[in-house]
Amino acid sequence: MDSGDTTDSDPLSREDPMATLRSWWRLPGPVRAEVRRLSLERRHHPDEEIAWTAWRWAQVVLPPGAPEPGRARNILSALGFWTEIVVDLVTGAQPTDPPAPHWLDRRRARRILRLGPPVR
C-alpha cells in the first residue's frame, strides 16, 4: 500500500483536523461536560452524532498509534497552558480558531478512545 493512498475505511478520517476541533468546540459547554462525565463512567453519549463528534475529536487530539504523553510532558504542557492563559489575559487576545489540544484534552481523549468507536 502506497503511503499516499487515501482509501481509508472511515471517510471521516480524511476530515481536516481543524474542522474536527471546530465541530467539537461548537458543541455547547454542557454537552461537552456531559461527554466527559459519561466517558468517566465508561459510556458513550446517547446522541450518536455527539458521540461521533467526540470520537473524531479524540482521534485528532491523540491520533491512533501516537504514544501517550508521559508525566514530564504533561507537567510541561500544563505549565505552558497556564502561561498562555496569563499572556492572553494580559494582552487581551481574542482567538479565532479553537485552542490547540493540551494536556487535559489528551487525558479526556484517552478516556473516549478507550471506549472504542460509537456503535452505529
PDB file of N, CA and C in Angstrom:
ATOM      1  N   MET A   1       0.843  -1.176   0.000  1.00  0.00           N
ATOM      2  CA  MET A   1       0.000   0.000   0.000  1.00  0.00           C
ATOM      3  C   MET A   1       0.882   1.232   0.000  1.00  0.00           C
ATOM      4  N   ASP A   2       0.601   2.140  -0.886  1.00  0.00           N
ATOM      5  CA  ASP A   2       1.365   3.374  -1.015  1.00  0.00           C
ATOM      6  C   ASP A   2       1.044   4.306   0.149  1.00  0.00           C
ATOM      7  N   SER A   3       2.042   5.037   0.630  1.00  0.00           N
ATOM      8  CA  SER A   3       1.816   5.929   1.763  1.00  0.00           C
ATOM      9  C   SER A   3       0.880   7.079   1.405  1.00  0.00           C
ATOM     10  N   GLY A   4       0.721   7.388   0.108  1.00  0.00           N
ATOM     11  CA  GLY A   4      -0.179   8.443  -0.314  1.00  0.00           C
ATOM     12  C   GLY A   4      -1.587   7.947  -0.562  1.00  0.00           C
ATOM     13  N   ASP A   5      -1.825   6.656  -0.355  1.00  0.00           N
ATOM     14  CA  ASP A   5      -3.138   6.072  -0.587  1.00  0.00           C
ATOM     15  C   ASP A   5      -4.119   6.583   0.468  1.00  0.00           C
ATOM     16  N   THR A   6      -5.284   7.065   0.006  1.00  0.00           N
ATOM     17  CA  THR A   6      -6.269   7.623   0.938  1.00  0.00           C
ATOM     18  C   THR A   6      -7.527   6.778   0.990  1.00  0.00           C
ATOM     19  N   THR A   7      -7.412   5.484   0.764  1.00  0.00           N
ATOM     20  CA  THR A   7      -8.593   4.620   0.798  1.00  0.00           C
ATOM     21  C   THR A   7      -8.793   4.096   2.202  1.00  0.00           C
ATOM     22  N   ASP A   8      -9.115   4.978   3.103  1.00  0.00           N
ATOM     23  CA  ASP A   8      -9.399   4.585   4.479  1.00  0.00           C
ATOM     24  C   ASP A   8     -10.800   4.025   4.554  1.00  0.00           C
ATOM     25  N   SER A   9     -11.033   3.135   5.496  1.00  0.00           N
ATOM     26  CA  SER A   9     -12.367   2.584   5.675  1.00  0.00           C
ATOM     27  C   SER A   9     -13.305   3.612   6.296  1.00  0.00           C
ATOM     28  N   ASP A  10     -12.767   4.572   6.999  1.00  0.00           N
ATOM     29  CA  ASP A  10     -13.569   5.609   7.643  1.00  0.00           C
ATOM     30  C   ASP A  10     -13.421   6.909   6.865  1.00  0.00           C
ATOM     31  N   PRO A  11     -14.478   7.337   6.130  1.00  0.00           N
ATOM     32  CA  PRO A  11     -14.348   8.567   5.347  1.00  0.00           C
ATOM     33  C   PRO A  11     -14.165   9.799   6.226  1.00  0.00           C
ATOM     34  N   LEU A  12     -14.565   9.719   7.493  1.00  0.00           N
ATOM     35  CA  LEU A  12     -14.415  10.866   8.381  1.00  0.00           C
ATOM     36  C   LEU A  12     -12.960  11.096   8.767  1.00  0.00           C
ATOM     37  N   SER A  13     -12.110  10.071   8.581  1.00  0.00           N
ATOM     38  CA  SER A  13     -10.700  10.216   8.955  1.00  0.00           C
ATOM     39  C   SER A  13      -9.976  11.178   8.025  1.00  0.00           C
ATOM     40  N   ARG A  14     -10.567  11.462   6.852  1.00  0.00           N
ATOM     41  CA  ARG A  14      -9.934  12.384   5.911  1.00  0.00           C
ATOM     42  C   ARG A  14     -10.341  13.829   6.172  1.00  0.00           C
ATOM     43  N   GLU A  15     -11.162  14.057   7.189  1.00  0.00           N
ATOM     44  CA  GLU A  15     -11.626  15.396   7.530  1.00  0.00           C
ATOM     45  C   GLU A  15     -10.461  16.228   8.045  1.00  0.00           C
ATOM     46  N   ASP A  16     -10.513  17.517   7.759  1.00  0.00           N
ATOM     47  CA  ASP A  16      -9.495  18.455   8.218  1.00  0.00           C
ATOM     48  C   ASP A  16      -9.456  18.470   9.748  1.00  0.00           C
ATOM     49  N   PRO A  17      -8.281  18.315  10.354  1.00  0.00           N
ATOM     50  CA  PRO A  17      -8.203  18.308  11.823  1.00  0.00           C
ATOM     51  C   PRO A  17      -8.770  19.582  12.462  1.00  0.00           C
ATOM     52  N   MET A  18      -8.538  20.747  11.851  1.00  0.00           N
ATOM     53  CA  MET A  18      -9.080  21.979  12.420  1.00  0.00           C
ATOM     54  C   MET A  18     -10.601  21.989  12.353  1.00  0.00           C
ATOM     55  N   ALA A  19     -11.176  21.426  11.297  1.00  0.00           N
ATOM     56  CA  ALA A  19     -12.638  21.347  11.197  1.00  0.00           C
ATOM     57  C   ALA A  19     -13.188  20.436  12.287  1.00  0.00           C
ATOM     58  N   THR A  20     -12.462  19.367  12.585  1.00  0.00           N
ATOM     59  CA  THR A  20     -12.879  18.461  13.657  1.00  0.00           C
ATOM     60  C   THR A  20     -12.832  19.172  15.004  1.00  0.00           C
ATOM     61  N   LEU A  21     -11.758  19.913  15.249  1.00  0.00           N
ATOM     62  CA  LEU A  21     -11.655  20.666  16.505  1.00  0.00           C
ATOM     63  C   LEU A  21     -12.761  21.713  16.601  1.00  0.00           C
ATOM     64  N   ARG A  22     -13.042  22.386  15.477  1.00  0.00           N
ATOM     65  CA  ARG A  22     -14.113  23.385  15.489  1.00  0.00           C
ATOM     66  C   ARG A  22     -15.463  22.750  15.788  1.00  0.00           C
ATOM     67  N   SER A  23     -15.739  21.584  15.205  1.00  0.00           N
ATOM     68  CA  SER A  23     -17.032  20.935  15.448  1.00  0.00           C
ATOM     69  C   SER A  23     -17.183  20.551  16.925  1.00  0.00           C
ATOM     70  N   TRP A  24     -16.074  20.160  17.561  1.00  0.00           N
ATOM     71  CA  TRP A  24     -16.113  19.838  18.995  1.00  0.00           C
ATOM     72  C   TRP A  24     -16.381  21.099  19.808  1.00  0.00           C
ATOM     73  N   TRP A  25     -15.668  22.188  19.497  1.00  0.00           N
ATOM     74  CA  TRP A  25     -15.812  23.416  20.275  1.00  0.00           C
ATOM     75  C   TRP A  25     -17.126  24.138  19.996  1.00  0.00           C
ATOM     76  N   ARG A  26     -17.802  23.797  18.900  1.00  0.00           N
ATOM     77  CA  ARG A  26     -19.129  24.377  18.628  1.00  0.00           C
ATOM     78  C   ARG A  26     -20.217  23.726  19.472  1.00  0.00           C
ATOM     79  N   LEU A  27     -19.927  22.539  20.002  1.00  0.00           N
ATOM     80  CA  LEU A  27     -20.904  21.922  20.901  1.00  0.00           C
ATOM     81  C   LEU A  27     -21.031  22.781  22.153  1.00  0.00           C
ATOM     82  N   PRO A  28     -22.229  22.932  22.680  1.00  0.00           N
ATOM     83  CA  PRO A  28     -22.376  23.733  23.910  1.00  0.00           C
ATOM     84  C   PRO A  28     -21.550  23.143  25.056  1.00  0.00           C
ATOM     85  N   GLY A  29     -21.099  24.014  25.938  1.00  0.00           N
ATOM     86  CA  GLY A  29     -20.287  23.589  27.084  1.00  0.00           C
ATOM     87  C   GLY A  29     -20.917  22.473  27.904  1.00  0.00           C
ATOM     88  N   PRO A  30     -22.228  22.554  28.213  1.00  0.00           N
ATOM     89  CA  PRO A  30     -22.838  21.469  28.987  1.00  0.00           C
ATOM     90  C   PRO A  30     -22.813  20.117  28.260  1.00  0.00           C
ATOM     91  N   VAL A  31     -22.890  20.151  26.927  1.00  0.00           N
ATOM     92  CA  VAL A  31     -22.837  18.891  26.166  1.00  0.00           C
ATOM     93  C   VAL A  31     -21.435  18.299  26.246  1.00  0.00           C
ATOM     94  N   ARG A  32     -20.411  19.146  26.094  1.00  0.00           N
ATOM     95  CA  ARG A  32     -19.031  18.640  26.209  1.00  0.00           C
ATOM     96  C   ARG A  32     -18.783  18.102  27.619  1.00  0.00           C
ATOM     97  N   ALA A  33     -19.327  18.799  28.627  1.00  0.00           N
ATOM     98  CA  ALA A  33     -19.171  18.329  30.011  1.00  0.00           C
ATOM     99  C   ALA A  33     -19.870  16.982  30.193  1.00  0.00           C
ATOM    100  N   GLU A  34     -21.020  16.806  29.544  1.00  0.00           N
ATOM    101  CA  GLU A  34     -21.728  15.528  29.644  1.00  0.00           C
ATOM    102  C   GLU A  34     -20.931  14.407  28.983  1.00  0.00           C
ATOM    103  N   VAL A  35     -20.292  14.703  27.852  1.00  0.00           N
ATOM    104  CA  VAL A  35     -19.436  13.704  27.189  1.00  0.00           C
ATOM    105  C   VAL A  35     -18.301  13.308  28.120  1.00  0.00           C
ATOM    106  N   ARG A  36     -17.691  14.299  28.766  1.00  0.00           N
ATOM    107  CA  ARG A  36     -16.589  13.998  29.698  1.00  0.00           C
ATOM    108  C   ARG A  36     -17.080  13.169  30.877  1.00  0.00           C
ATOM    109  N   ARG A  37     -18.233  13.536  31.421  1.00  0.00           N
ATOM    110  CA  ARG A  37     -18.789  12.791  32.562  1.00  0.00           C
ATOM    111  C   ARG A  37     -19.110  11.351  32.159  1.00  0.00           C
ATOM    112  N   LEU A  38     -19.725  11.178  31.004  1.00  0.00           N
ATOM    113  CA  LEU A  38     -20.067   9.831  30.546  1.00  0.00           C
ATOM    114  C   LEU A  38     -18.813   9.003  30.255  1.00  0.00           C
ATOM    115  N   SER A  39     -17.756   9.639  29.749  1.00  0.00           N
ATOM    116  CA  SER A  39     -16.527   8.886  29.482  1.00  0.00           C
ATOM    117  C   SER A  39     -15.887   8.415  30.781  1.00  0.00           C
ATOM    118  N   LEU A  40     -16.030   9.202  31.849  1.00  0.00           N
ATOM    119  CA  LEU A  40     -15.542   8.751  33.152  1.00  0.00           C
ATOM    120  C   LEU A  40     -16.330   7.536  33.637  1.00  0.00           C
ATOM    121  N   GLU A  41     -17.608   7.475  33.251  1.00  0.00           N
ATOM    122  CA  GLU A  41     -18.458   6.339  33.606  1.00  0.00           C
ATOM    123  C   GLU A  41     -18.341   5.198  32.589  1.00  0.00           C
ATOM    124  N   ARG A  42     -17.425   5.366  31.630  1.00  0.00           N
ATOM    125  CA  ARG A  42     -17.172   4.375  30.573  1.00  0.00           C
ATOM    126  C   ARG A  42     -18.409   4.137  29.706  1.00  0.00           C
ATOM    127  N   ARG A  43     -19.048   5.253  29.308  1.00  0.00           N
ATOM    128  CA  ARG A  43     -20.212   5.175  28.427  1.00  0.00           C
ATOM    129  C   ARG A  43     -20.089   6.234  27.338  1.00  0.00           C
ATOM    130  N   HIS A  44     -20.688   5.932  26.179  1.00  0.00           N
ATOM    131  CA  HIS A  44     -20.772   6.906  25.094  1.00  0.00           C
ATOM    132  C   HIS A  44     -21.961   7.822  25.332  1.00  0.00           C
ATOM    133  N   HIS A  45     -21.928   8.969  24.699  1.00  0.00           N
ATOM    134  CA  HIS A  45     -23.066   9.882  24.756  1.00  0.00           C
ATOM    135  C   HIS A  45     -24.238   9.221  24.019  1.00  0.00           C
ATOM    136  N   PRO A  46     -25.468   9.343  24.529  1.00  0.00           N
ATOM    137  CA  PRO A  46     -26.604   8.692  23.882  1.00  0.00           C
ATOM    138  C   PRO A  46     -26.925   9.245  22.491  1.00  0.00           C
ATOM    139  N   ASP A  47     -26.596  10.514  22.230  1.00  0.00           N
ATOM    140  CA  ASP A  47     -26.811  11.088  20.905  1.00  0.00           C
ATOM    141  C   ASP A  47     -25.667  10.631  20.006  1.00  0.00           C
ATOM    142  N   GLU A  48     -25.999   9.880  18.955  1.00  0.00           N
ATOM    143  CA  GLU A  48     -24.970   9.282  18.099  1.00  0.00           C
ATOM    144  C   GLU A  48     -24.092  10.336  17.427  1.00  0.00           C
ATOM    145  N   GLU A  49     -24.675  11.433  17.004  1.00  0.00           N
ATOM    146  CA  GLU A  49     -23.896  12.477  16.336  1.00  0.00           C
ATOM    147  C   GLU A  49     -22.871  13.095  17.289  1.00  0.00           C
ATOM    148  N   ILE A  50     -23.282  13.343  18.512  1.00  0.00           N
ATOM    149  CA  ILE A  50     -22.363  13.898  19.512  1.00  0.00           C
ATOM    150  C   ILE A  50     -21.283  12.883  19.855  1.00  0.00           C
ATOM    151  N   ALA A  51     -21.658  11.609  19.970  1.00  0.00           N
ATOM    152  CA  ALA A  51     -20.676  10.564  20.276  1.00  0.00           C
ATOM    153  C   ALA A  51     -19.619  10.477  19.182  1.00  0.00           C
ATOM    154  N   TRP A  52     -20.041  10.572  17.911  1.00  0.00           N
ATOM    155  CA  TRP A  52     -19.071  10.510  16.812  1.00  0.00           C
ATOM    156  C   TRP A  52     -18.214  11.774  16.760  1.00  0.00           C
ATOM    157  N   THR A  53     -18.801  12.927  17.077  1.00  0.00           N
ATOM    158  CA  THR A  53     -18.014  14.163  17.125  1.00  0.00           C
ATOM    159  C   THR A  53     -16.928  14.036  18.191  1.00  0.00           C
ATOM    160  N   ALA A  54     -17.298  13.501  19.349  1.00  0.00           N
ATOM    161  CA  ALA A  54     -16.322  13.306  20.430  1.00  0.00           C
ATOM    162  C   ALA A  54     -15.238  12.313  20.011  1.00  0.00           C
ATOM    163  N   TRP A  55     -15.639  11.242  19.335  1.00  0.00           N
ATOM    164  CA  TRP A  55     -14.681  10.223  18.890  1.00  0.00           C
ATOM    165  C   TRP A  55     -13.680  10.812  17.902  1.00  0.00           C
ATOM    166  N   ARG A  56     -14.175  11.589  16.911  1.00  0.00           N
ATOM    167  CA  ARG A  56     -13.275  12.203  15.918  1.00  0.00           C
ATOM    168  C   ARG A  56     -12.362  13.223  16.587  1.00  0.00           C
ATOM    169  N   TRP A  57     -12.906  13.997  17.545  1.00  0.00           N
ATOM    170  CA  TRP A  57     -12.082  14.964  18.276  1.00  0.00           C
ATOM    171  C   TRP A  57     -10.957  14.235  19.021  1.00  0.00           C
ATOM    172  N   ALA A  58     -11.290  13.143  19.689  1.00  0.00           N
ATOM    173  CA  ALA A  58     -10.291  12.378  20.444  1.00  0.00           C
ATOM    174  C   ALA A  58      -9.215  11.829  19.525  1.00  0.00           C
ATOM    175  N   GLN A  59      -9.599  11.428  18.296  1.00  0.00           N
ATOM    176  CA  GLN A  59      -8.600  10.918  17.355  1.00  0.00           C
ATOM    177  C   GLN A  59      -7.670  12.019  16.869  1.00  0.00           C
ATOM    178  N   VAL A  60      -8.156  13.252  16.808  1.00  0.00           N
ATOM    179  CA  VAL A  60      -7.283  14.367  16.428  1.00  0.00           C
ATOM    180  C   VAL A  60      -6.329  14.691  17.566  1.00  0.00           C
ATOM    181  N   VAL A  61      -6.852  14.679  18.795  1.00  0.00           N
ATOM    182  CA  VAL A  61      -6.025  15.015  19.956  1.00  0.00           C
ATOM    183  C   VAL A  61      -4.981  13.931  20.211  1.00  0.00           C
ATOM    184  N   LEU A  62      -5.373  12.677  20.144  1.00  0.00           N
ATOM    185  CA  LEU A  62      -4.455  11.545  20.314  1.00  0.00           C
ATOM    186  C   LEU A  62      -4.608  10.626  19.109  1.00  0.00           C
ATOM    187  N   PRO A  63      -3.890  10.900  18.012  1.00  0.00           N
ATOM    188  CA  PRO A  63      -4.041  10.078  16.811  1.00  0.00           C
ATOM    189  C   PRO A  63      -3.720   8.609  17.096  1.00  0.00           C
ATOM    190  N   PRO A  64      -4.395   7.688  16.401  1.00  0.00           N
ATOM    191  CA  PRO A  64      -4.113   6.259  16.598  1.00  0.00           C
ATOM    192  C   PRO A  64      -2.637   5.968  16.366  1.00  0.00           C
ATOM    193  N   GLY A  65      -2.055   5.221  17.260  1.00  0.00           N
ATOM    194  CA  GLY A  65      -0.644   4.854  17.149  1.00  0.00           C
ATOM    195  C   GLY A  65       0.308   5.855  17.775  1.00  0.00           C
ATOM    196  N   ALA A  66      -0.184   7.032  18.138  1.00  0.00           N
ATOM    197  CA  ALA A  66       0.680   8.032  18.766  1.00  0.00           C
ATOM    198  C   ALA A  66       0.937   7.624  20.216  1.00  0.00           C
ATOM    199  N   PRO A  67       2.165   7.785  20.682  1.00  0.00           N
ATOM    200  CA  PRO A  67       2.440   7.431  22.081  1.00  0.00           C
ATOM    201  C   PRO A  67       1.712   8.373  23.025  1.00  0.00           C
ATOM    202  N   GLU A  68       1.229   7.818  24.111  1.00  0.00           N
ATOM    203  CA  GLU A  68       0.575   8.654  25.106  1.00  0.00           C
ATOM    204  C   GLU A  68       1.641   9.433  25.858  1.00  0.00           C
ATOM    205  N   PRO A  69       1.377  10.706  26.138  1.00  0.00           N
ATOM    206  CA  PRO A  69       2.394  11.524  26.796  1.00  0.00           C
ATOM    207  C   PRO A  69       2.664  11.054  28.210  1.00  0.00           C
ATOM    208  N   GLY A  70       3.891  11.207  28.604  1.00  0.00           N
ATOM    209  CA  GLY A  70       4.282  10.822  29.952  1.00  0.00           C
ATOM    210  C   GLY A  70       4.061  11.946  30.942  1.00  0.00           C
ATOM    211  N   ARG A  71       4.399  11.694  32.167  1.00  0.00           N
ATOM    212  CA  ARG A  71       4.165  12.657  33.248  1.00  0.00           C
ATOM    213  C   ARG A  71       4.942  13.959  33.029  1.00  0.00           C
ATOM    214  N   ALA A  72       6.212  13.871  32.647  1.00  0.00           N
ATOM    215  CA  ALA A  72       7.023  15.081  32.459  1.00  0.00           C
ATOM    216  C   ALA A  72       6.442  15.957  31.356  1.00  0.00           C
ATOM    217  N   ARG A  73       6.038  15.328  30.265  1.00  0.00           N
ATOM    218  CA  ARG A  73       5.448  16.106  29.166  1.00  0.00           C
ATOM    219  C   ARG A  73       4.134  16.736  29.601  1.00  0.00           C
ATOM    220  N   ASN A  74       3.341  16.019  30.386  1.00  0.00           N
ATOM    221  CA  ASN A  74       2.083  16.586  30.872  1.00  0.00           C
ATOM    222  C   ASN A  74       2.335  17.796  31.762  1.00  0.00           C
ATOM    223  N   ILE A  75       3.352  17.724  32.612  1.00  0.00           N
ATOM    224  CA  ILE A  75       3.664  18.848  33.503  1.00  0.00           C
ATOM    225  C   ILE A  75       4.102  20.056  32.688  1.00  0.00           C
ATOM    226  N   LEU A  76       4.980  19.847  31.711  1.00  0.00           N
ATOM    227  CA  LEU A  76       5.431  20.950  30.862  1.00  0.00           C
ATOM    228  C   LEU A  76       4.277  21.530  30.050  1.00  0.00           C
ATOM    229  N   SER A  77       3.418  20.665  29.545  1.00  0.00           N
ATOM    230  CA  SER A  77       2.267  21.127  28.780  1.00  0.00           C
ATOM    231  C   SER A  77       1.319  21.937  29.656  1.00  0.00           C
ATOM    232  N   ALA A  78       1.111  21.497  30.890  1.00  0.00           N
ATOM    233  CA  ALA A  78       0.235  22.228  31.809  1.00  0.00           C
ATOM    234  C   ALA A  78       0.816  23.609  32.124  1.00  0.00           C
ATOM    235  N   LEU A  79       2.125  23.673  32.353  1.00  0.00           N
ATOM    236  CA  LEU A  79       2.761  24.973  32.610  1.00  0.00           C
ATOM    237  C   LEU A  79       2.615  25.898  31.411  1.00  0.00           C
ATOM    238  N   GLY A  80       2.818  25.353  30.210  1.00  0.00           N
ATOM    239  CA  GLY A  80       2.640  26.160  29.004  1.00  0.00           C
ATOM    240  C   GLY A  80       1.210  26.616  28.823  1.00  0.00           C
ATOM    241  N   PHE A  81       0.263  25.752  29.148  1.00  0.00           N
ATOM    242  CA  PHE A  81      -1.155  26.073  29.045  1.00  0.00           C
ATOM    243  C   PHE A  81      -1.510  27.251  29.946  1.00  0.00           C
ATOM    244  N   TRP A  82      -1.091  27.194  31.206  1.00  0.00           N
ATOM    245  CA  TRP A  82      -1.412  28.264  32.144  1.00  0.00           C
ATOM    246  C   TRP A  82      -0.664  29.545  31.806  1.00  0.00           C
ATOM    247  N   THR A  83       0.551  29.426  31.308  1.00  0.00           N
ATOM    248  CA  THR A  83       1.297  30.605  30.871  1.00  0.00           C
ATOM    249  C   THR A  83       0.579  31.277  29.709  1.00  0.00           C
ATOM    250  N   GLU A  84       0.088  30.478  28.773  1.00  0.00           N
ATOM    251  CA  GLU A  84      -0.639  31.019  27.622  1.00  0.00           C
ATOM    252  C   GLU A  84      -1.911  31.751  28.070  1.00  0.00           C
ATOM    253  N   ILE A  85      -2.598  31.216  29.053  1.00  0.00           N
ATOM    254  CA  ILE A  85      -3.800  31.876  29.570  1.00  0.00           C
ATOM    255  C   ILE A  85      -3.447  33.233  30.183  1.00  0.00           C
ATOM    256  N   VAL A  86      -2.373  33.276  30.966  1.00  0.00           N
ATOM    257  CA  VAL A  86      -1.964  34.538  31.588  1.00  0.00           C
ATOM    258  C   VAL A  86      -1.575  35.556  30.523  1.00  0.00           C
ATOM    259  N   VAL A  87      -0.818  35.125  29.521  1.00  0.00           N
ATOM    260  CA  VAL A  87      -0.413  36.039  28.446  1.00  0.00           C
ATOM    261  C   VAL A  87      -1.641  36.543  27.692  1.00  0.00           C
ATOM    262  N   ASP A  88      -2.593  35.669  27.396  1.00  0.00           N
ATOM    263  CA  ASP A  88      -3.812  36.081  26.699  1.00  0.00           C
ATOM    264  C   ASP A  88      -4.626  37.062  27.522  1.00  0.00           C
ATOM    265  N   LEU A  89      -4.670  36.870  28.844  1.00  0.00           N
ATOM    266  CA  LEU A  89      -5.397  37.803  29.704  1.00  0.00           C
ATOM    267  C   LEU A  89      -4.734  39.175  29.719  1.00  0.00           C
ATOM    268  N   VAL A  90      -3.415  39.170  29.739  1.00  0.00           N
ATOM    269  CA  VAL A  90      -2.671  40.435  29.788  1.00  0.00           C
ATOM    270  C   VAL A  90      -2.784  41.172  28.454  1.00  0.00           C
ATOM    271  N   THR A  91      -2.660  40.457  27.348  1.00  0.00           N
ATOM    272  CA  THR A  91      -2.677  41.107  26.029  1.00  0.00           C
ATOM    273  C   THR A  91      -4.084  41.300  25.488  1.00  0.00           C
ATOM    274  N   GLY A  92      -5.077  40.615  26.066  1.00  0.00           N
ATOM    275  CA  GLY A  92      -6.449  40.739  25.578  1.00  0.00           C
ATOM    276  C   GLY A  92      -6.664  40.060  24.243  1.00  0.00           C
ATOM    277  N   ALA A  93      -5.920  39.010  23.963  1.00  0.00           N
ATOM    278  CA  ALA A  93      -6.029  38.296  22.687  1.00  0.00           C
ATOM    279  C   ALA A  93      -7.416  37.667  22.545  1.00  0.00           C
ATOM    280  N   GLN A  94      -7.948  37.732  21.330  1.00  0.00           N
ATOM    281  CA  GLN A  94      -9.230  37.112  21.012  1.00  0.00           C
ATOM    282  C   GLN A  94      -8.976  36.009  19.983  1.00  0.00           C
ATOM    283  N   PRO A  95      -8.973  34.751  20.393  1.00  0.00           N
ATOM    284  CA  PRO A  95      -8.679  33.669  19.445  1.00  0.00           C
ATOM    285  C   PRO A  95      -9.804  33.510  18.421  1.00  0.00           C
ATOM    286  N   THR A  96      -9.413  33.216  17.176  1.00  0.00           N
ATOM    287  CA  THR A  96     -10.399  32.982  16.124  1.00  0.00           C
ATOM    288  C   THR A  96     -10.541  31.504  15.832  1.00  0.00           C
ATOM    289  N   ASP A  97      -9.528  30.727  16.132  1.00  0.00           N
ATOM    290  CA  ASP A  97      -9.577  29.278  15.939  1.00  0.00           C
ATOM    291  C   ASP A  97      -9.701  28.598  17.291  1.00  0.00           C
ATOM    292  N   PRO A  98     -10.178  27.349  17.291  1.00  0.00           N
ATOM    293  CA  PRO A  98     -10.253  26.634  18.563  1.00  0.00           C
ATOM    294  C   PRO A  98      -8.854  26.466  19.145  1.00  0.00           C
ATOM    295  N   PRO A  99      -8.770  26.376  20.463  1.00  0.00           N
ATOM    296  CA  PRO A  99      -7.449  26.227  21.070  1.00  0.00           C
ATOM    297  C   PRO A  99      -6.810  24.898  20.690  1.00  0.00           C
ATOM    298  N   ALA A 100      -5.498  24.899  20.641  1.00  0.00           N
ATOM    299  CA  ALA A 100      -4.777  23.663  20.364  1.00  0.00           C
ATOM    300  C   ALA A 100      -4.974  22.713  21.542  1.00  0.00           C
ATOM    301  N   PRO A 101      -5.031  21.410  21.270  1.00  0.00           N
ATOM    302  CA  PRO A 101      -5.190  20.452  22.371  1.00  0.00           C
ATOM    303  C   PRO A 101      -4.039  20.568  23.373  1.00  0.00           C
ATOM    304  N   HIS A 102      -4.350  20.409  24.631  1.00  0.00           N
ATOM    305  CA  HIS A 102      -3.342  20.494  25.676  1.00  0.00           C
ATOM    306  C   HIS A 102      -3.439  19.255  26.563  1.00  0.00           C
ATOM    307  N   TRP A 103      -2.711  19.243  27.653  1.00  0.00           N
ATOM    308  CA  TRP A 103      -2.573  18.057  28.500  1.00  0.00           C
ATOM    309  C   TRP A 103      -3.911  17.527  28.982  1.00  0.00           C
ATOM    310  N   LEU A 104      -4.821  18.391  29.372  1.00  0.00           N
ATOM    311  CA  LEU A 104      -6.106  17.926  29.880  1.00  0.00           C
ATOM    312  C   LEU A 104      -6.937  17.317  28.760  1.00  0.00           C
ATOM    313  N   ASP A 105      -6.839  17.901  27.560  1.00  0.00           N
ATOM    314  CA  ASP A 105      -7.540  17.331  26.410  1.00  0.00           C
ATOM    315  C   ASP A 105      -7.034  15.931  26.105  1.00  0.00           C
ATOM    316  N   ARG A 106      -5.726  15.717  26.229  1.00  0.00           N
ATOM    317  CA  ARG A 106      -5.175  14.383  25.945  1.00  0.00           C
ATOM    318  C   ARG A 106      -5.691  13.353  26.937  1.00  0.00           C
ATOM    319  N   ARG A 107      -5.840  13.744  28.199  1.00  0.00           N
ATOM    320  CA  ARG A 107      -6.405  12.815  29.198  1.00  0.00           C
ATOM    321  C   ARG A 107      -7.843  12.477  28.852  1.00  0.00           C
ATOM    322  N   ARG A 108      -8.627  13.501  28.490  1.00  0.00           N
ATOM    323  CA  ARG A 108     -10.028  13.271  28.145  1.00  0.00           C
ATOM    324  C   ARG A 108     -10.152  12.453  26.871  1.00  0.00           C
ATOM    325  N   ALA A 109      -9.298  12.740  25.889  1.00  0.00           N
ATOM    326  CA  ALA A 109      -9.337  11.984  24.630  1.00  0.00           C
ATOM    327  C   ALA A 109      -8.983  10.520  24.876  1.00  0.00           C
ATOM    328  N   ARG A 110      -8.019  10.267  25.738  1.00  0.00           N
ATOM    329  CA  ARG A 110      -7.626   8.894  26.041  1.00  0.00           C
ATOM    330  C   ARG A 110      -8.812   8.115  26.604  1.00  0.00           C
ATOM    331  N   ARG A 111      -9.619   8.751  27.476  1.00  0.00           N
ATOM    332  CA  ARG A 111     -10.803   8.081  28.031  1.00  0.00           C
ATOM    333  C   ARG A 111     -11.817   7.750  26.943  1.00  0.00           C
ATOM    334  N   ILE A 112     -12.034   8.696  26.031  1.00  0.00           N
ATOM    335  CA  ILE A 112     -13.007   8.471  24.963  1.00  0.00           C
ATOM    336  C   ILE A 112     -12.519   7.373  24.025  1.00  0.00           C
ATOM    337  N   LEU A 113     -11.226   7.380  23.695  1.00  0.00           N
ATOM    338  CA  LEU A 113     -10.684   6.365  22.785  1.00  0.00           C
ATOM    339  C   LEU A 113     -10.720   4.976  23.407  1.00  0.00           C
ATOM    340  N   ARG A 114     -10.553   4.882  24.710  1.00  0.00           N
ATOM    341  CA  ARG A 114     -10.596   3.579  25.374  1.00  0.00           C
ATOM    342  C   ARG A 114     -11.981   2.945  25.301  1.00  0.00           C
ATOM    343  N   LEU A 115     -13.022   3.767  25.106  1.00  0.00           N
ATOM    344  CA  LEU A 115     -14.382   3.242  24.962  1.00  0.00           C
ATOM    345  C   LEU A 115     -14.584   2.541  23.631  1.00  0.00           C
ATOM    346  N   GLY A 116     -13.779   2.873  22.657  1.00  0.00           N
ATOM    347  CA  GLY A 116     -13.982   2.334  21.323  1.00  0.00           C
ATOM    348  C   GLY A 116     -14.933   3.231  20.557  1.00  0.00           C
ATOM    349  N   PRO A 117     -15.018   3.023  19.241  1.00  0.00           N
ATOM    350  CA  PRO A 117     -15.908   3.877  18.450  1.00  0.00           C
ATOM    351  C   PRO A 117     -17.366   3.642  18.814  1.00  0.00           C
ATOM    352  N   PRO A 118     -18.182   4.692  18.702  1.00  0.00           N
ATOM    353  CA  PRO A 118     -19.613   4.511  18.980  1.00  0.00           C
ATOM    354  C   PRO A 118     -20.213   3.522  17.977  1.00  0.00           C
ATOM    355  N   VAL A 119     -21.059   2.675  18.453  1.00  0.00           N
ATOM    356  CA  VAL A 119     -21.675   1.669  17.598  1.00  0.00           C
ATOM    357  C   VAL A 119     -22.778   2.315  16.798  1.00  0.00           C
ATOM    358  N   ARG A 120     -22.795   2.023  15.507  1.00  0.00           N
ATOM    359  CA  ARG A 120     -23.851   2.576  14.638  1.00  0.00           C
ATOM    360  C   ARG A 120     -25.058   1.711  14.694  1.00  0.00           C
TER     361      ARG A 120
END
